[in-house]
Protein backbone atom coordinates (compact mmCIF):
# COMPACT_ATOMS: atom_id res chain seq x y z
CA MET A 1 14.76 -3.00 -30.84
CA GLY A 2 14.98 -4.62 -27.42
CA VAL A 3 13.17 -7.73 -26.40
CA PHE A 4 10.53 -7.28 -23.70
CA ARG A 5 11.50 -9.26 -20.61
CA PRO A 6 8.99 -9.00 -17.78
CA PHE A 7 11.53 -10.08 -15.17
CA GLU A 8 15.27 -9.89 -15.48
CA THR A 9 17.04 -12.53 -13.41
CA GLU A 10 18.84 -10.12 -11.06
CA GLU A 11 15.73 -8.02 -10.46
CA TRP A 12 13.63 -11.07 -9.79
CA ILE A 13 16.17 -12.51 -7.35
CA GLU A 14 16.50 -9.20 -5.46
CA MET A 15 12.75 -8.81 -5.11
CA LEU A 16 12.32 -12.46 -4.11
CA ARG A 17 15.10 -12.17 -1.53
CA TYR A 18 13.57 -9.05 0.00
CA THR A 19 10.06 -10.54 0.02
CA LEU A 20 11.22 -13.76 1.64
CA MET A 21 13.18 -11.84 4.26
CA ARG A 22 10.10 -9.76 5.08
CA LEU A 23 8.04 -12.91 5.30
CA GLY A 24 10.66 -14.44 7.59
CA VAL A 25 10.56 -11.45 9.92
CA PHE A 26 6.75 -11.65 10.01
CA VAL A 27 6.73 -15.39 10.71
CA GLY A 28 9.28 -14.90 13.49
CA CYS A 29 7.13 -12.19 15.04
CA LEU A 30 4.04 -14.35 14.62
CA VAL A 31 5.67 -17.20 16.55
CA VAL A 32 6.83 -14.85 19.32
CA VAL A 33 3.43 -13.14 19.61
CA TRP A 34 1.60 -16.46 19.55
CA GLY A 35 3.84 -17.75 22.35
CA ALA A 36 3.35 -14.54 24.35
CA VAL A 37 -0.44 -14.66 23.99
CA TYR A 38 -0.77 -18.32 24.88
CA SER A 39 1.64 -18.05 27.81
CA GLY A 40 -0.35 -15.12 29.18
CA LEU A 41 2.31 -12.42 28.67
CA ALA A 42 0.13 -10.62 26.12
CA PRO A 43 -3.66 -10.26 26.31
CA ARG A 44 -5.90 -12.62 24.35
CA GLY A 45 -8.38 -11.35 21.74
CA LEU A 46 -12.07 -11.00 22.49
CA GLY A 47 -14.18 -14.10 21.85
CA ASP A 48 -13.14 -15.92 18.68
CA SER A 49 -10.90 -13.10 17.48
CA ASN A 50 -7.73 -14.45 19.09
CA GLY A 51 -6.19 -15.63 15.79
CA LEU A 52 -6.84 -12.29 14.15
CA TRP A 53 -5.42 -10.50 17.20
CA VAL A 54 -2.21 -12.54 17.02
CA VAL A 55 -1.78 -11.88 13.28
CA LEU A 56 -2.47 -8.13 13.61
CA LEU A 57 -0.10 -7.80 16.55
CA ALA A 58 2.59 -9.69 14.62
CA LEU A 59 2.09 -7.37 11.61
CA LEU A 60 2.32 -4.33 13.85
CA ILE A 61 5.56 -5.54 15.41
CA SER A 62 7.18 -6.89 12.22
CA ALA A 63 6.68 -3.71 10.15
CA PRO A 64 9.13 -1.46 12.05
CA ILE A 65 11.56 -4.35 12.51
CA SER A 66 11.57 -4.97 8.75
CA PHE A 67 11.93 -1.26 8.08
CA VAL A 68 15.10 -1.03 10.18
CA VAL A 69 16.66 -4.47 9.74
CA LEU A 70 16.05 -4.89 6.01
CA ARG A 71 17.07 -1.38 4.97
CA LYS A 72 20.00 -2.53 2.81
CA GLU A 73 17.92 -5.19 1.07
CA ARG A 74 15.09 -2.72 0.45
CA ASP A 75 17.53 -0.18 -1.00
CA ARG A 76 19.09 -2.83 -3.24
CA ALA A 77 15.66 -3.94 -4.48
CA SER A 78 14.52 -0.36 -5.06
CA ILE A 79 17.62 0.36 -7.15
CA GLN A 80 16.73 -2.62 -9.35
CA VAL A 81 13.16 -1.36 -9.73
CA ALA A 82 14.31 2.18 -10.52
CA GLN A 83 16.74 0.91 -13.16
CA ARG A 84 13.96 -1.15 -14.74
CA VAL A 85 11.66 1.88 -14.86
CA ASP A 86 14.41 3.95 -16.46
CA ARG A 87 14.98 1.27 -19.11
CA MET A 88 11.26 1.08 -19.85
CA LYS A 89 11.07 4.87 -20.21
CA ALA A 90 14.05 4.84 -22.58
CA ASN A 91 12.42 2.08 -24.66
CA LEU A 92 9.16 4.04 -24.79
CA ASP A 93 11.00 7.17 -25.93
CA ALA A 94 12.89 5.19 -28.58
CA ASN A 95 9.63 3.70 -29.87
CA ARG A 96 7.99 7.12 -29.91
CA ASN A 97 10.90 8.56 -31.88
CA GLN A 98 10.69 5.73 -34.41
CA GLU A 99 6.98 6.39 -34.85
CA ASP A 100 7.61 10.13 -35.26
CA VAL A 101 10.26 9.53 -37.92
CA ALA A 102 7.99 7.12 -39.80
CA ASP A 103 5.09 9.57 -39.57
CA ASP A 104 7.23 12.50 -40.75
CA THR A 105 8.54 10.42 -43.65
CA ALA A 106 5.03 9.41 -44.69
CA ARG A 107 3.83 13.02 -44.55
CA ALA A 108 6.81 14.25 -46.53
CA GLN A 109 6.18 11.63 -49.23
CA GLY A 110 2.49 12.52 -49.30
CA GLN A 111 3.21 16.24 -49.79
CA THR A 112 5.68 15.70 -52.64
CA SER A 113 3.30 13.53 -54.66
């Protein structure tokens, strides 16, 4: 029987790398949008909503950039996730088969007695 490991080292590193890269793209966009808003190149938010406006605009800009620029990292991370799901399914099937064999054995012994 295998040992349950919530995070394998390679999987964890791939997901952390992808997450940090996405965060980096967002922070870069946030700085650019903040500079554009405060220099007057982009419109300011209404009333006290300027901070929210800057964050939402940065999210809107960073999403397609991340989608295109981080494609290879996203594919690498998704392969790791898919492999983990496949391993978990295989472990579940193996456990189910062990339970079925034990159940069949117990029933067979109960019928012969």
